[in-house]
Structure formats: structure tokens, C-alpha cells
N, C-alpha and C. Protein backbone atom coordinates (compact mmCIF):
# COMPACT_ATOMS: atom_id res chain seq x y z
N MET A 1 68.65 39.75 48.10
CA MET A 1 69.68 38.58 47.43
C MET A 1 69.64 39.07 45.92
N PHE A 2 68.04 38.33 45.34
CA PHE A 2 67.47 38.58 44.01
C PHE A 2 68.55 39.53 43.19
N ASP A 3 67.43 40.75 43.55
CA ASP A 3 68.28 41.94 42.81
C ASP A 3 69.46 42.22 42.95
N ASP A 4 70.52 41.99 44.00
CA ASP A 4 71.60 42.35 43.93
C ASP A 4 72.36 41.64 42.96
N HIS A 5 72.10 40.43 43.10
CA HIS A 5 73.06 39.49 42.14
C HIS A 5 72.29 39.55 40.44
N GLY A 6 71.21 40.00 39.97
CA GLY A 6 70.65 40.35 39.01
C GLY A 6 70.76 41.84 38.38
N LYS A 7 71.14 42.78 39.14
CA LYS A 7 72.06 43.89 39.21
C LYS A 7 73.15 43.68 38.60
N LEU A 8 74.19 42.83 39.31
CA LEU A 8 75.39 42.73 38.94
C LEU A 8 75.53 41.97 37.59
N ALA A 9 74.58 40.91 37.67
CA ALA A 9 74.72 39.50 35.85
C ALA A 9 74.70 40.78 34.90
N VAL A 10 73.19 41.81 35.15
CA VAL A 10 73.01 42.82 33.98
C VAL A 10 74.33 43.65 33.69
N GLU A 11 74.91 44.19 34.59
CA GLU A 11 76.21 45.25 34.53
C GLU A 11 77.28 44.27 33.98
N LEU A 12 77.48 43.83 34.46
CA LEU A 12 78.70 42.16 33.55
C LEU A 12 78.36 41.92 32.77
N THR A 13 76.59 41.61 31.94
CA THR A 13 76.75 41.24 30.62
C THR A 13 76.94 42.62 29.83
N LYS A 14 76.91 43.69 30.24
CA LYS A 14 76.82 44.70 29.50
C LYS A 14 78.34 45.26 28.86
N ILE A 15 79.17 44.64 30.21
CA ILE A 15 80.38 45.11 29.84
C ILE A 15 81.30 43.76 28.77
N LEU A 16 80.88 42.44 29.02
CA LEU A 16 81.01 41.52 27.81
C LEU A 16 80.46 41.83 26.76
N GLY A 17 79.26 41.89 26.64
CA GLY A 17 78.36 42.36 25.13
C GLY A 17 79.37 43.43 24.67
N ASP A 18 79.98 44.93 25.45
CA ASP A 18 80.90 46.20 24.54
C ASP A 18 82.17 45.32 24.26
N LEU A 19 82.91 44.28 25.27
CA LEU A 19 83.92 43.92 24.77
C LEU A 19 84.12 43.48 23.55
N GLY A 20 82.56 42.61 22.78
CA GLY A 20 82.76 41.89 21.82
C GLY A 20 82.41 40.61 22.11
N ALA A 21 82.01 40.10 23.37
CA ALA A 21 81.53 38.86 23.61
C ALA A 21 80.94 38.21 22.51
N GLU A 22 80.98 37.05 21.84
CA GLU A 22 79.67 36.69 20.89
C GLU A 22 78.72 36.04 21.75
N VAL A 23 78.64 35.34 22.92
CA VAL A 23 78.28 34.78 23.58
C VAL A 23 78.58 34.66 25.15
N ILE A 24 77.80 34.90 25.61
CA ILE A 24 77.95 34.72 27.15
C ILE A 24 77.34 33.94 28.04
N LEU A 25 78.09 33.32 28.86
CA LEU A 25 77.17 31.77 29.70
C LEU A 25 76.67 32.32 31.19
N ILE A 26 75.52 31.96 31.05
CA ILE A 26 74.97 31.81 32.17
C ILE A 26 75.13 29.76 32.91
N TRP A 27 76.00 30.25 34.18
CA TRP A 27 75.58 29.05 34.19
C TRP A 27 75.08 28.83 35.95
N ASP A 28 73.84 28.39 35.97
CA ASP A 28 72.88 28.48 36.97
C ASP A 28 72.16 27.40 36.85
N ASP A 29 71.68 26.64 38.28
CA ASP A 29 71.30 25.66 38.08
C ASP A 29 69.57 26.34 38.59
N TYR A 30 68.47 25.55 37.90
CA TYR A 30 67.31 26.13 38.44
C TYR A 30 66.27 24.96 38.63
N GLY A 31 66.84 23.84 38.66
CA GLY A 31 66.11 22.74 38.93
C GLY A 31 66.55 21.32 39.41
N PHE A 32 65.88 20.56 40.09
CA PHE A 32 66.06 18.73 40.56
C PHE A 32 65.96 18.58 39.73
N LYS A 33 66.37 17.46 39.33
CA LYS A 33 65.81 16.04 38.54
C LYS A 33 64.09 16.04 38.65
N ASN A 34 63.58 16.52 39.40
CA ASN A 34 62.03 15.99 39.89
C ASN A 34 61.34 17.73 38.97
N GLY A 35 61.93 18.55 38.81
CA GLY A 35 61.23 19.73 38.61
C GLY A 35 62.11 20.88 39.27
N PRO A 36 61.74 22.00 39.04
CA PRO A 36 62.25 23.49 39.75
C PRO A 36 63.15 23.32 41.03
N PHE A 37 63.89 24.90 41.21
CA PHE A 37 64.06 24.82 42.60
C PHE A 37 62.65 25.38 43.60
N MET A 38 62.31 25.99 42.93
CA MET A 38 61.11 26.65 43.54
C MET A 38 60.01 26.69 42.54
N SER A 39 58.73 27.52 43.13
CA SER A 39 57.27 27.21 42.09
C SER A 39 57.84 28.32 41.11
N PRO A 40 56.93 27.92 40.35
CA PRO A 40 56.81 28.79 38.77
C PRO A 40 56.96 30.63 39.10
N ARG A 41 55.73 30.55 39.89
CA ARG A 41 55.48 32.12 40.73
C ARG A 41 56.76 32.16 41.03
N ASN A 42 57.60 31.77 41.81
CA ASN A 42 58.87 32.60 42.09
C ASN A 42 59.71 32.84 41.27
N PHE A 43 59.73 31.71 40.25
CA PHE A 43 61.01 31.99 39.26
C PHE A 43 60.25 33.29 38.66
N GLN A 44 59.27 33.16 38.30
CA GLN A 44 58.46 34.45 37.76
C GLN A 44 58.49 36.11 38.32
N THR A 45 58.45 35.71 39.74
CA THR A 45 58.57 37.26 40.19
C THR A 45 60.27 37.51 40.55
N TYR A 46 61.09 36.42 41.21
CA TYR A 46 62.33 36.86 41.56
C TYR A 46 63.76 37.00 39.80
N VAL A 47 63.38 35.94 39.39
CA VAL A 47 64.73 35.45 38.30
C VAL A 47 64.43 35.79 37.36
N PHE A 48 63.23 35.38 36.49
CA PHE A 48 63.02 35.90 34.87
C PHE A 48 62.91 36.97 34.90
N PRO A 49 62.74 38.22 35.62
CA PRO A 49 62.94 39.74 34.82
C PRO A 49 64.27 39.99 35.05
N TRP A 50 65.24 39.56 36.06
CA TRP A 50 66.41 39.94 35.68
C TRP A 50 66.81 38.66 34.39
N LEU A 51 66.58 37.48 34.13
CA LEU A 51 67.28 37.09 33.03
C LEU A 51 66.43 37.53 31.67
N LYS A 52 65.48 38.13 31.47
CA LYS A 52 64.91 39.30 30.69
C LYS A 52 66.05 39.87 30.36
N GLN A 53 66.01 40.96 31.56
CA GLN A 53 67.08 41.90 31.14
C GLN A 53 68.45 41.54 30.59
N ILE A 54 69.33 40.69 31.12
CA ILE A 54 70.15 39.91 30.98
C ILE A 54 70.21 39.81 29.52
N CYS A 55 69.11 38.79 28.88
CA CYS A 55 68.91 38.42 27.59
C CYS A 55 68.87 40.01 26.52
N ASP A 56 68.17 41.13 27.12
CA ASP A 56 67.93 42.10 26.36
C ASP A 56 68.98 42.61 25.91
N GLU A 57 70.02 43.21 27.09
CA GLU A 57 71.26 43.95 27.34
C GLU A 57 72.24 43.15 26.09
N ALA A 58 72.19 41.86 26.33
CA ALA A 58 73.18 40.98 25.71
C ALA A 58 72.69 41.51 24.22
N HIS A 59 71.48 41.12 23.40
CA HIS A 59 71.20 41.34 22.16
C HIS A 59 71.42 42.62 21.78
N LYS A 60 71.53 43.84 22.30
CA LYS A 60 71.15 44.78 22.13
C LYS A 60 72.79 44.98 21.70
N ARG A 61 73.79 44.20 22.18
CA ARG A 61 75.06 44.43 22.05
C ARG A 61 75.32 43.08 20.53
N GLY A 62 74.84 42.53 20.26
CA GLY A 62 74.88 41.44 19.56
C GLY A 62 75.87 39.97 20.17
N SER A 63 74.99 39.49 21.38
CA SER A 63 75.98 38.75 22.24
C SER A 63 74.47 37.47 22.03
N LYS A 64 74.66 36.21 22.09
CA LYS A 64 73.93 35.35 22.27
C LYS A 64 74.08 35.06 23.95
N ILE A 65 73.29 34.43 24.52
CA ILE A 65 72.78 34.13 25.82
C ILE A 65 72.30 32.30 25.90
N LEU A 66 73.79 31.64 26.24
CA LEU A 66 73.56 30.66 26.50
C LEU A 66 73.62 30.07 28.26
N LEU A 67 72.70 29.36 28.56
CA LEU A 67 71.91 29.55 29.93
C LEU A 67 72.38 27.72 30.23
N HIS A 68 73.06 27.52 30.95
CA HIS A 68 73.48 26.09 31.63
C HIS A 68 72.71 25.99 32.88
N SER A 69 71.72 25.00 33.10
CA SER A 69 70.85 24.87 33.93
C SER A 69 70.77 23.52 34.08
N ASP A 70 70.61 22.40 35.14
CA ASP A 70 70.45 21.32 35.23
C ASP A 70 69.45 20.84 35.98
N GLY A 71 68.99 20.11 35.95
CA GLY A 71 67.26 19.75 36.22
C GLY A 71 66.37 19.68 35.35
N ASP A 72 64.57 18.96 36.02
CA ASP A 72 64.02 19.21 34.70
C ASP A 72 62.98 20.49 34.73
N LEU A 73 63.28 21.49 33.91
CA LEU A 73 62.79 22.68 33.62
C LEU A 73 61.93 22.63 33.01
N MET A 74 60.76 21.56 33.26
CA MET A 74 59.55 21.56 31.98
C MET A 74 58.38 22.96 32.53
N LEU A 75 58.79 22.92 33.82
CA LEU A 75 57.34 23.76 34.15
C LEU A 75 57.59 25.54 34.02
N ILE A 76 59.31 25.38 33.88
CA ILE A 76 59.49 27.25 33.59
C ILE A 76 59.93 27.14 32.16
N PHE A 77 59.68 26.30 30.81
CA PHE A 77 60.88 25.90 30.05
C PHE A 77 60.24 27.14 29.13
N ASP A 78 58.78 27.91 29.03
CA ASP A 78 58.19 28.55 28.36
C ASP A 78 58.81 29.77 28.88
N ASP A 79 58.63 29.91 30.17
CA ASP A 79 59.23 31.63 30.57
C ASP A 79 60.78 31.66 30.15
N ILE A 80 61.24 30.50 30.19
CA ILE A 80 62.93 30.62 29.91
C ILE A 80 63.56 30.86 28.63
N VAL A 81 62.16 30.73 27.40
CA VAL A 81 62.18 31.15 26.12
C VAL A 81 61.81 32.34 26.00
N ASN A 82 60.85 32.44 26.48
CA ASN A 82 60.39 34.26 26.51
C ASN A 82 60.76 35.33 27.09
N CYS A 83 62.09 34.81 27.52
CA CYS A 83 63.00 35.66 28.27
C CYS A 83 63.91 36.14 27.58
N GLY A 84 64.37 35.07 26.02
CA GLY A 84 65.45 35.80 25.13
C GLY A 84 66.11 34.60 25.22
N VAL A 85 66.68 33.67 25.89
CA VAL A 85 67.29 32.97 26.38
C VAL A 85 68.28 32.07 24.36
N ASP A 86 69.01 32.37 24.19
CA ASP A 86 69.44 31.88 22.83
C ASP A 86 69.92 30.67 22.53
N ALA A 87 70.42 29.49 23.87
CA ALA A 87 70.84 28.27 23.48
C ALA A 87 70.50 28.00 25.53
N LEU A 88 70.41 26.40 25.42
CA LEU A 88 69.87 25.86 26.22
C LEU A 88 71.52 24.55 26.39
N ASN A 89 71.97 24.51 27.69
CA ASN A 89 72.70 23.49 28.01
C ASN A 89 72.42 23.37 29.79
N SER A 90 72.01 21.64 29.94
CA SER A 90 71.37 21.18 29.39
C SER A 90 69.80 20.17 29.40
N ILE A 91 69.72 19.17 28.37
CA ILE A 91 68.23 18.76 28.78
C ILE A 91 69.05 17.27 29.21
N GLU A 92 68.91 17.09 30.91
CA GLU A 92 68.91 16.24 31.06
C GLU A 92 68.34 14.57 31.01
N SER A 93 68.98 13.56 30.45
CA SER A 93 68.44 12.43 30.13
C SER A 93 67.56 11.82 31.47
N THR A 94 68.02 12.16 32.57
CA THR A 94 68.05 11.60 33.63
C THR A 94 66.92 11.70 34.90
N THR A 95 66.25 12.77 34.44
CA THR A 95 65.08 12.95 34.97
C THR A 95 63.91 12.60 35.50
N ALA A 96 63.40 12.52 36.42
CA ALA A 96 62.06 11.76 36.77
C ALA A 96 60.85 12.19 35.98
N ASN A 97 60.90 12.89 34.81
CA ASN A 97 59.96 13.31 33.96
C ASN A 97 60.42 12.78 32.14
N PRO A 98 59.16 11.94 32.10
CA PRO A 98 59.75 11.49 30.47
C PRO A 98 59.61 12.33 29.35
N GLU A 99 59.00 13.64 29.57
CA GLU A 99 58.80 14.81 28.78
C GLU A 99 59.67 15.65 28.69
N TYR A 100 60.43 15.43 29.57
CA TYR A 100 61.69 16.19 29.31
C TYR A 100 62.90 15.46 28.79
N ASP A 101 62.38 15.61 27.20
CA ASP A 101 63.33 14.56 26.32
C ASP A 101 63.84 16.02 25.41
N ILE A 102 65.68 15.89 25.12
CA ILE A 102 64.94 17.02 23.94
C ILE A 102 65.09 16.76 22.91
N PHE A 103 64.51 15.27 21.94
CA PHE A 103 63.98 15.80 20.91
C PHE A 103 62.48 15.76 20.90
N LYS A 104 61.95 15.58 21.80
CA LYS A 104 60.63 16.21 22.27
C LYS A 104 60.82 17.63 22.16
N LEU A 105 61.61 17.98 23.03
CA LEU A 105 61.87 19.87 23.37
C LEU A 105 62.30 20.32 21.63
N ASN A 106 63.00 19.47 20.80
CA ASN A 106 63.30 20.30 19.83
C ASN A 106 62.35 20.77 19.28
N GLU A 107 61.48 19.88 19.00
CA GLU A 107 60.21 20.01 18.40
C GLU A 107 59.42 20.79 18.73
N LYS A 108 59.04 21.48 19.98
CA LYS A 108 58.77 22.61 20.45
C LYS A 108 59.30 24.08 20.10
N TYR A 109 60.21 24.03 20.33
CA TYR A 109 60.96 24.72 20.71
C TYR A 109 62.37 25.29 19.70
N GLY A 110 62.55 23.80 19.16
CA GLY A 110 63.45 24.20 17.88
C GLY A 110 63.92 25.64 17.22
N ALA A 111 62.52 26.20 16.98
CA ALA A 111 62.80 27.21 15.83
C ALA A 111 63.49 28.39 16.71
N LYS A 112 63.39 28.22 18.12
CA LYS A 112 63.36 29.35 19.12
C LYS A 112 64.80 29.10 20.17
N LEU A 113 65.41 27.60 20.22
CA LEU A 113 66.46 27.65 21.33
C LEU A 113 67.33 26.90 20.42
N THR A 114 68.66 26.86 20.35
CA THR A 114 69.65 26.16 20.36
C THR A 114 70.09 25.48 21.89
N PHE A 115 69.98 23.91 21.09
CA PHE A 115 70.40 23.37 22.80
C PHE A 115 71.96 23.02 22.24
N VAL A 116 72.54 22.90 23.36
CA VAL A 116 74.20 22.99 23.12
C VAL A 116 74.39 21.33 24.11
N GLY A 117 75.42 20.60 23.97
CA GLY A 117 75.74 19.41 24.51
C GLY A 117 74.67 18.67 24.61
N ASN A 118 74.07 18.17 25.39
CA ASN A 118 72.99 17.00 25.78
C ASN A 118 73.46 15.86 25.74
N LEU A 119 74.49 15.33 25.57
CA LEU A 119 74.80 13.94 25.98
C LEU A 119 75.11 13.85 26.73
N SER A 120 74.39 12.43 27.40
CA SER A 120 74.43 12.09 29.02
C SER A 120 75.85 11.81 29.58
N PRO A 121 76.34 12.07 30.63
CA PRO A 121 77.60 11.59 31.37
C PRO A 121 77.42 10.33 31.80
N VAL A 122 75.83 9.67 31.92
CA VAL A 122 75.80 8.70 32.16
C VAL A 122 76.46 7.79 30.93
N LEU A 123 75.67 7.79 30.01
CA LEU A 123 75.61 7.31 28.41
C LEU A 123 77.68 7.38 28.37
N LEU A 124 77.90 8.35 28.93
CA LEU A 124 79.60 8.65 28.12
C LEU A 124 80.13 7.59 28.91
N ALA A 125 79.81 7.08 30.60
CA ALA A 125 80.75 6.90 31.37
C ALA A 125 80.37 5.32 31.21
N THR A 126 79.49 4.70 30.69
CA THR A 126 79.11 3.49 31.02
C THR A 126 78.53 2.86 29.39
N GLY A 127 78.15 3.67 28.86
CA GLY A 127 77.60 3.27 27.26
C GLY A 127 78.83 2.95 26.38
N SER A 128 78.38 1.69 25.34
CA SER A 128 79.15 1.13 24.61
C SER A 128 79.79 2.37 23.66
N ILE A 129 80.89 2.26 22.84
CA ILE A 129 81.17 3.09 21.85
C ILE A 129 79.67 3.33 20.81
N THR A 130 79.85 2.12 20.48
CA THR A 130 78.18 2.12 19.47
C THR A 130 77.20 2.63 20.12
N GLU A 131 77.00 2.44 21.05
CA GLU A 131 75.55 3.53 22.14
C GLU A 131 75.89 4.77 21.67
N ILE A 132 76.84 4.90 22.05
CA ILE A 132 77.37 6.46 22.37
C ILE A 132 77.42 6.94 20.95
N GLU A 133 78.28 6.55 19.50
CA GLU A 133 78.04 6.67 18.48
C GLU A 133 76.79 7.03 17.88
N GLU A 134 75.62 5.87 17.85
CA GLU A 134 73.94 5.72 17.56
C GLU A 134 73.91 7.27 18.20
N TYR A 135 73.49 6.95 19.50
CA TYR A 135 72.81 8.45 20.01
C TYR A 135 73.29 9.79 19.62
N SER A 136 74.45 9.76 19.67
CA SER A 136 75.30 11.09 19.09
C SER A 136 74.99 11.37 17.23
N LYS A 137 74.49 10.30 16.80
CA LYS A 137 74.60 10.70 15.14
C LYS A 137 72.95 11.23 15.29
N ARG A 138 72.35 10.92 16.12
CA ARG A 138 70.67 10.56 15.93
C ARG A 138 70.90 12.41 16.76
N LEU A 139 71.47 12.65 17.68
CA LEU A 139 71.57 13.77 18.42
C LEU A 139 71.85 14.97 17.18
N ALA A 140 73.09 14.56 16.64
CA ALA A 140 73.16 15.70 15.54
C ALA A 140 72.34 15.94 14.49
N TYR A 141 71.76 15.21 14.12
CA TYR A 141 70.83 14.91 12.76
C TYR A 141 69.28 15.36 13.46
N LEU A 142 68.86 15.21 14.42
CA LEU A 142 67.76 15.52 14.83
C LEU A 142 67.72 16.65 15.58
N VAL A 143 68.98 16.99 16.21
CA VAL A 143 68.60 18.56 16.88
C VAL A 143 69.71 19.51 15.96
N SER A 144 70.10 18.91 15.16
CA SER A 144 71.10 20.02 14.46
C SER A 144 71.97 20.40 15.22
N ILE A 145 72.90 19.87 16.04
CA ILE A 145 74.11 20.50 16.85
C ILE A 145 75.12 20.50 15.84
N ASP A 146 75.72 22.01 16.28
CA ASP A 146 77.12 22.24 15.63
C ASP A 146 78.02 21.29 15.82
N LEU A 147 78.54 21.12 15.36
CA LEU A 147 79.63 19.74 15.81
C LEU A 147 81.04 20.35 15.71
N SER A 148 81.16 21.47 15.20
CA SER A 148 82.36 22.42 16.14
C SER A 148 82.20 22.87 17.48
N LEU A 149 80.64 22.33 18.30
CA LEU A 149 80.90 22.49 19.54
C LEU A 149 81.88 21.06 20.51
N ILE A 150 81.83 20.12 19.51
CA ILE A 150 82.95 19.04 20.06
C ILE A 150 83.81 19.18 21.40
N PRO A 151 84.45 20.10 20.88
CA PRO A 151 85.84 20.57 22.07
C PRO A 151 85.19 20.55 23.11
N LEU A 152 84.12 21.73 23.26
CA LEU A 152 83.07 22.32 24.29
C LEU A 152 82.77 20.45 25.21
N LEU A 153 82.10 20.09 24.10
CA LEU A 153 81.56 19.20 25.00
C LEU A 153 82.23 17.89 25.86
N LEU A 154 83.23 17.96 25.30
CA LEU A 154 84.63 16.90 25.71
C LEU A 154 85.13 18.16 27.23
N GLN A 155 85.55 19.12 26.82
CA GLN A 155 85.79 19.72 28.25
C GLN A 155 84.91 19.81 29.43
N MET A 156 83.42 19.65 29.27
CA MET A 156 82.18 19.38 29.72
C MET A 156 82.39 18.13 30.43
N ALA A 157 82.52 16.94 29.61
CA ALA A 157 82.60 15.58 30.14
C ALA A 157 84.15 15.67 31.00
N GLU A 158 84.91 16.19 30.78
CA GLU A 158 86.57 16.04 31.61
C GLU A 158 86.24 16.87 33.02
N ASN A 159 85.27 17.73 32.96
CA ASN A 159 84.86 18.98 33.92
C ASN A 159 84.30 18.13 35.28
N ASP A 160 83.53 17.10 34.33
CA ASP A 160 82.38 16.25 35.73
C ASP A 160 82.97 14.70 35.70
N GLY A 161 84.36 14.80 35.61
CA GLY A 161 85.41 13.59 35.73
C GLY A 161 85.39 12.58 34.72
N ILE A 162 85.16 12.54 33.67
CA ILE A 162 84.78 11.64 32.78
C ILE A 162 86.13 11.43 31.85
N ASP A 163 86.65 10.39 32.08
CA ASP A 163 88.17 10.66 31.17
C ASP A 163 87.50 10.18 29.61
N ILE A 164 86.80 11.00 28.82
CA ILE A 164 86.67 10.69 27.74
C ILE A 164 87.54 10.40 26.21
N ALA A 165 88.26 10.78 26.44
CA ALA A 165 89.81 10.47 26.32
C ALA A 165 89.70 8.50 25.65
N SER A 166 90.05 8.49 26.71
CA SER A 166 90.16 7.02 27.20
C SER A 166 88.86 6.30 26.00
N ARG A 167 88.11 6.71 25.81
CA ARG A 167 86.84 6.15 25.36
C ARG A 167 87.07 6.26 23.80
N ILE A 168 87.60 6.65 23.35
CA ILE A 168 87.38 7.46 21.86
C ILE A 168 88.62 6.33 21.23
N ARG A 169 88.28 5.88 19.93
CA ARG A 169 89.04 4.82 19.35
C ARG A 169 90.30 6.09 18.21
């Protein structure tokens, strides 16, 4: 099953890259709030060889790879970076691991990886406008998020059922 999906993903990456895609999104989930879906060894055996091939093929064609995965990926984070992923969405602030924090991860991986999004849906749904603004400014400043991504963030919030438009002044 992993090989079938991996071969398909590599071929789709080649096609998208050949068509001029600047960013190729891999929308997948690798973890629960308390850790990866399977052992790091199984990821290294079944998933990461394919992820590395996908990244290599994208990079040969001038495309970047944006991986979306929820959950606490701390045990496999180095592997994800070493495969060549260019950007990651999202770093869940609601995981059980206090070390799985975008600001801490940015200190370690910020030169190798771009963090995309990472505004907590919980904060967007329940936080005050002031709390949302303060966190967003801190995030943009410390992680140097490209503010042109705001439409993408708003769309992702809408996809999660959050009516963000009603919360903006």
C-alpha cells in the first residue's frame, strides 16, 4: 500500500513540477496530539523514502514541498526536514508535548524549514481580538511569516468551520 501510494505521489509530483507548480502541497497527517501515528522506525521504512523521492523530484523541477500534518511530530521532525520538506503546516499548539512549540522549533529548524500558518483554531474561535492580534504579531515577527499567506490562513480557518470574517474588525 505504501509503495502504491508513494509511486503515485512521485509521478504526480513530476507532472505538477513539469507544469510549473511553485508549491506542491502534501496534505497528510503523520501524528496524534501525543505523538506519531506509528513508530519512527516504521516511518523511516515506509513513508520517508517516498517523501524524500517526492521532495527530490519537486526540487529538480524548481518546486517547493509544503507538508500539512497535524499532531506532535517531534519524534520524526528531523526525518521530515532531512527528506527535504520546504515548509510545514501546522504546528499544533494543543498537543500534549510542551516542546512541540513553533517558537522553539523555529529556533532549531528555521534556517531549513518555513512554518506556514500555525494560528491555533482554538485561539481563533475563543480568543479575544486582542489575544489573536498579539499572538499573530509575535508569530509574524519571531517566525517571519510571509503576511501574503493571510488569505490561505483565512481559507484554512473557514475550512475548519471557523467564521473568522465575523471576528475581524
